[in-house]
Amino acid sequence: MGDDFLAAVRADFRAHGAGVLAEVRADKPDQYLKIVLSVLPKDFDVAVNQLDALSDDEIRSRIRALENVVKPFLEEPSDLGPNRLSDAAGGA
């Protein structure tokens, strides 16, 4: 894709991305899942049994880290202030 197109998509996402994603998640969860799956690497390897080798503390630590990553996407747009909305959308 052209650099101008990607720049336009990036600007649009920074301006509206988090709010639109929250709306899609609430109104059309099937489409939201398609979006999520489309951005995952094609060779995404899910090994369910990896947790067997971890201690309880290591598992808790990973859960906390994942919560911090997904939390901005699970909040309602009204829960996000102007700065938090930019942060959730990947803005600077």
N, C-alpha and C. Protein backbone atom coordinates (compact mmCIF):
# COMPACT_ATOMS: atom_id res chain seq x y z
N MET A 1 0.85 -1.19 0.00
CA MET A 1 0.00 0.00 0.00
C MET A 1 0.89 1.24 0.00
N GLY A 2 0.37 2.29 -0.56
CA GLY A 2 1.13 3.51 -0.64
C GLY A 2 1.32 4.16 0.72
N ASP A 3 2.43 4.86 0.86
CA ASP A 3 2.73 5.53 2.12
C ASP A 3 1.64 6.54 2.50
N ASP A 4 1.10 7.25 1.52
CA ASP A 4 0.05 8.23 1.81
C ASP A 4 -1.20 7.55 2.37
N PHE A 5 -1.56 6.41 1.79
CA PHE A 5 -2.73 5.67 2.27
C PHE A 5 -2.52 5.20 3.70
N LEU A 6 -1.37 4.62 3.97
CA LEU A 6 -1.08 4.15 5.33
C LEU A 6 -1.06 5.30 6.33
N ALA A 7 -0.53 6.44 5.92
CA ALA A 7 -0.53 7.61 6.80
C ALA A 7 -1.96 8.07 7.08
N ALA A 8 -2.82 8.02 6.07
CA ALA A 8 -4.22 8.41 6.27
C ALA A 8 -4.93 7.44 7.20
N VAL A 9 -4.68 6.14 7.04
CA VAL A 9 -5.29 5.15 7.93
C VAL A 9 -4.80 5.36 9.35
N ARG A 10 -3.50 5.59 9.51
CA ARG A 10 -2.94 5.82 10.85
C ARG A 10 -3.58 7.05 11.49
N ALA A 11 -3.71 8.13 10.75
CA ALA A 11 -4.32 9.35 11.30
C ALA A 11 -5.78 9.12 11.67
N ASP A 12 -6.50 8.40 10.83
CA ASP A 12 -7.91 8.11 11.11
C ASP A 12 -8.03 7.25 12.36
N PHE A 13 -7.17 6.25 12.49
CA PHE A 13 -7.23 5.39 13.68
C PHE A 13 -6.89 6.18 14.93
N ARG A 14 -5.90 7.03 14.86
CA ARG A 14 -5.54 7.84 16.04
C ARG A 14 -6.70 8.75 16.45
N ALA A 15 -7.43 9.24 15.49
CA ALA A 15 -8.54 10.14 15.79
C ALA A 15 -9.79 9.40 16.26
N HIS A 16 -10.06 8.24 15.70
CA HIS A 16 -11.34 7.58 15.95
C HIS A 16 -11.24 6.11 16.35
N GLY A 17 -10.07 5.52 16.29
CA GLY A 17 -9.91 4.08 16.43
C GLY A 17 -10.46 3.46 17.69
N ALA A 18 -10.08 3.97 18.85
CA ALA A 18 -10.51 3.34 20.10
C ALA A 18 -12.03 3.39 20.26
N GLY A 19 -12.62 4.52 19.92
CA GLY A 19 -14.07 4.64 20.03
C GLY A 19 -14.80 3.72 19.08
N VAL A 20 -14.32 3.66 17.85
CA VAL A 20 -14.95 2.80 16.86
C VAL A 20 -14.79 1.33 17.24
N LEU A 21 -13.61 0.96 17.71
CA LEU A 21 -13.41 -0.43 18.14
C LEU A 21 -14.35 -0.80 19.28
N ALA A 22 -14.53 0.11 20.23
CA ALA A 22 -15.45 -0.15 21.35
C ALA A 22 -16.88 -0.33 20.84
N GLU A 23 -17.29 0.50 19.87
CA GLU A 23 -18.64 0.36 19.31
C GLU A 23 -18.80 -0.97 18.57
N VAL A 24 -17.81 -1.33 17.77
CA VAL A 24 -17.87 -2.59 17.03
C VAL A 24 -17.91 -3.76 18.00
N ARG A 25 -17.08 -3.70 19.05
CA ARG A 25 -17.05 -4.77 20.04
C ARG A 25 -18.42 -4.94 20.69
N ALA A 26 -19.08 -3.83 21.01
CA ALA A 26 -20.39 -3.89 21.68
C ALA A 26 -21.51 -4.28 20.72
N ASP A 27 -21.50 -3.71 19.52
CA ASP A 27 -22.62 -3.89 18.59
C ASP A 27 -22.46 -5.09 17.65
N LYS A 28 -21.23 -5.40 17.28
CA LYS A 28 -20.98 -6.47 16.30
C LYS A 28 -19.77 -7.29 16.75
N PRO A 29 -19.92 -8.09 17.81
CA PRO A 29 -18.76 -8.83 18.32
C PRO A 29 -18.14 -9.77 17.30
N ASP A 30 -18.92 -10.29 16.36
CA ASP A 30 -18.35 -11.16 15.34
C ASP A 30 -17.39 -10.40 14.44
N GLN A 31 -17.74 -9.16 14.09
CA GLN A 31 -16.86 -8.33 13.28
C GLN A 31 -15.62 -7.92 14.07
N TYR A 32 -15.80 -7.65 15.37
CA TYR A 32 -14.68 -7.31 16.24
C TYR A 32 -13.67 -8.46 16.26
N LEU A 33 -14.17 -9.68 16.38
CA LEU A 33 -13.28 -10.84 16.38
C LEU A 33 -12.53 -10.95 15.05
N LYS A 34 -13.20 -10.67 13.94
CA LYS A 34 -12.54 -10.70 12.64
C LYS A 34 -11.41 -9.68 12.59
N ILE A 35 -11.64 -8.50 13.15
CA ILE A 35 -10.60 -7.47 13.19
C ILE A 35 -9.40 -7.96 13.98
N VAL A 36 -9.68 -8.49 15.17
CA VAL A 36 -8.59 -8.97 16.03
C VAL A 36 -7.80 -10.06 15.31
N LEU A 37 -8.50 -11.02 14.73
CA LEU A 37 -7.82 -12.12 14.05
C LEU A 37 -7.03 -11.64 12.83
N SER A 38 -7.51 -10.59 12.17
CA SER A 38 -6.82 -10.11 10.98
C SER A 38 -5.48 -9.46 11.30
N VAL A 39 -5.29 -8.98 12.52
CA VAL A 39 -4.03 -8.33 12.86
C VAL A 39 -3.05 -9.27 13.57
N LEU A 40 -3.50 -10.47 13.92
CA LEU A 40 -2.59 -11.44 14.52
C LEU A 40 -1.70 -12.03 13.42
N PRO A 41 -0.46 -12.35 13.77
CA PRO A 41 0.40 -12.99 12.77
C PRO A 41 -0.21 -14.31 12.30
N LYS A 42 -0.01 -14.62 11.04
CA LYS A 42 -0.58 -15.85 10.47
C LYS A 42 0.00 -17.10 11.12
N ASP A 43 1.24 -17.00 11.59
CA ASP A 43 1.87 -18.16 12.22
C ASP A 43 1.76 -18.10 13.74
N PHE A 44 0.73 -17.44 14.23
CA PHE A 44 0.49 -17.31 15.66
C PHE A 44 0.33 -18.70 16.26
N ASP A 45 1.22 -19.06 17.16
CA ASP A 45 1.23 -20.41 17.73
C ASP A 45 0.68 -20.36 19.14
N VAL A 46 -0.41 -21.04 19.35
CA VAL A 46 -1.01 -21.11 20.67
C VAL A 46 -0.68 -22.47 21.26
N ALA A 47 0.12 -22.45 22.31
CA ALA A 47 0.46 -23.69 23.01
C ALA A 47 -0.23 -23.65 24.37
N VAL A 48 -1.29 -24.37 24.51
CA VAL A 48 -2.11 -24.33 25.71
C VAL A 48 -1.37 -24.87 26.92
N ASN A 49 -0.56 -25.87 26.73
CA ASN A 49 0.08 -26.53 27.85
C ASN A 49 1.33 -25.83 28.37
N GLN A 50 1.71 -24.70 27.82
CA GLN A 50 2.88 -23.98 28.31
C GLN A 50 2.72 -23.57 29.77
N LEU A 51 1.51 -23.38 30.22
CA LEU A 51 1.29 -22.94 31.60
C LEU A 51 1.69 -24.00 32.61
N ASP A 52 1.74 -25.25 32.20
CA ASP A 52 2.12 -26.32 33.12
C ASP A 52 3.53 -26.13 33.67
N ALA A 53 4.40 -25.50 32.90
CA ALA A 53 5.78 -25.33 33.31
C ALA A 53 5.99 -24.08 34.17
N LEU A 54 4.97 -23.24 34.31
CA LEU A 54 5.11 -21.99 35.05
C LEU A 54 4.62 -22.14 36.49
N SER A 55 5.23 -21.34 37.36
CA SER A 55 4.76 -21.30 38.74
C SER A 55 3.49 -20.45 38.81
N ASP A 56 2.78 -20.53 39.91
CA ASP A 56 1.57 -19.72 40.08
C ASP A 56 1.91 -18.23 40.00
N ASP A 57 3.03 -17.82 40.59
CA ASP A 57 3.43 -16.40 40.54
C ASP A 57 3.73 -15.96 39.11
N GLU A 58 4.35 -16.82 38.31
CA GLU A 58 4.63 -16.48 36.92
C GLU A 58 3.33 -16.35 36.13
N ILE A 59 2.39 -17.22 36.40
CA ILE A 59 1.09 -17.15 35.72
C ILE A 59 0.37 -15.86 36.10
N ARG A 60 0.35 -15.53 37.39
CA ARG A 60 -0.28 -14.27 37.83
C ARG A 60 0.38 -13.07 37.17
N SER A 61 1.69 -13.08 37.09
CA SER A 61 2.41 -11.97 36.46
C SER A 61 2.03 -11.82 34.99
N ARG A 62 1.91 -12.92 34.28
CA ARG A 62 1.51 -12.87 32.87
C ARG A 62 0.07 -12.37 32.72
N ILE A 63 -0.80 -12.80 33.61
CA ILE A 63 -2.19 -12.34 33.57
C ILE A 63 -2.25 -10.84 33.79
N ARG A 64 -1.50 -10.33 34.78
CA ARG A 64 -1.48 -8.88 35.03
C ARG A 64 -0.97 -8.12 33.82
N ALA A 65 0.07 -8.63 33.18
CA ALA A 65 0.62 -7.97 32.00
C ALA A 65 -0.41 -7.95 30.87
N LEU A 66 -1.11 -9.05 30.66
CA LEU A 66 -2.15 -9.09 29.62
C LEU A 66 -3.30 -8.15 29.94
N GLU A 67 -3.68 -8.08 31.22
CA GLU A 67 -4.76 -7.16 31.61
C GLU A 67 -4.38 -5.73 31.26
N ASN A 68 -3.13 -5.35 31.49
CA ASN A 68 -2.68 -3.99 31.17
C ASN A 68 -2.71 -3.72 29.68
N VAL A 69 -2.45 -4.73 28.88
CA VAL A 69 -2.47 -4.56 27.42
C VAL A 69 -3.89 -4.40 26.90
N VAL A 70 -4.82 -5.21 27.38
CA VAL A 70 -6.17 -5.19 26.81
C VAL A 70 -7.11 -4.19 27.49
N LYS A 71 -6.76 -3.71 28.67
CA LYS A 71 -7.66 -2.82 29.42
C LYS A 71 -8.13 -1.61 28.61
N PRO A 72 -7.24 -0.90 27.89
CA PRO A 72 -7.72 0.27 27.13
C PRO A 72 -8.77 -0.08 26.08
N PHE A 73 -8.75 -1.29 25.57
CA PHE A 73 -9.70 -1.69 24.54
C PHE A 73 -11.02 -2.17 25.12
N LEU A 74 -11.05 -2.44 26.41
CA LEU A 74 -12.26 -2.93 27.05
C LEU A 74 -13.06 -1.82 27.72
N GLU A 75 -12.45 -0.64 27.88
CA GLU A 75 -13.15 0.47 28.50
C GLU A 75 -14.09 1.11 27.49
N GLU A 76 -15.16 1.65 28.00
CA GLU A 76 -16.09 2.38 27.14
C GLU A 76 -15.45 3.71 26.75
N PRO A 77 -15.74 4.23 25.56
CA PRO A 77 -15.16 5.51 25.14
C PRO A 77 -15.40 6.62 26.15
N SER A 78 -16.55 6.62 26.83
CA SER A 78 -16.84 7.67 27.81
C SER A 78 -15.95 7.55 29.04
N ASP A 79 -15.37 6.36 29.28
CA ASP A 79 -14.47 6.17 30.41
C ASP A 79 -13.10 6.75 30.14
N LEU A 80 -12.82 7.04 28.88
CA LEU A 80 -11.51 7.52 28.49
C LEU A 80 -11.52 9.04 28.37
N GLY A 81 -10.62 9.69 29.07
CA GLY A 81 -10.46 11.12 28.92
C GLY A 81 -9.74 11.40 27.62
N PRO A 82 -9.53 12.68 27.28
CA PRO A 82 -8.88 13.03 26.02
C PRO A 82 -7.49 12.39 25.89
N ASN A 83 -6.69 12.40 26.94
CA ASN A 83 -5.36 11.82 26.87
C ASN A 83 -5.42 10.30 26.84
N ARG A 84 -6.32 9.70 27.60
CA ARG A 84 -6.43 8.24 27.65
C ARG A 84 -6.93 7.70 26.32
N LEU A 85 -7.81 8.45 25.64
CA LEU A 85 -8.31 8.00 24.34
C LEU A 85 -7.15 7.92 23.35
N SER A 86 -6.29 8.92 23.35
CA SER A 86 -5.14 8.93 22.47
C SER A 86 -4.21 7.77 22.80
N ASP A 87 -3.99 7.53 24.10
CA ASP A 87 -3.13 6.42 24.52
C ASP A 87 -3.71 5.09 24.07
N ALA A 88 -5.01 4.89 24.24
CA ALA A 88 -5.65 3.62 23.88
C ALA A 88 -5.58 3.38 22.38
N ALA A 89 -5.59 4.44 21.61
CA ALA A 89 -5.57 4.31 20.16
C ALA A 89 -4.15 4.21 19.62
N GLY A 90 -3.17 4.21 20.52
CA GLY A 90 -1.79 4.10 20.08
C GLY A 90 -1.18 5.44 19.74
N GLY A 91 -1.83 6.52 20.14
CA GLY A 91 -1.31 7.85 19.86
C GLY A 91 -0.19 8.23 20.78
N ALA A 92 0.49 9.30 20.42
CA ALA A 92 1.62 9.77 21.22
C ALA A 92 1.17 10.80 22.21
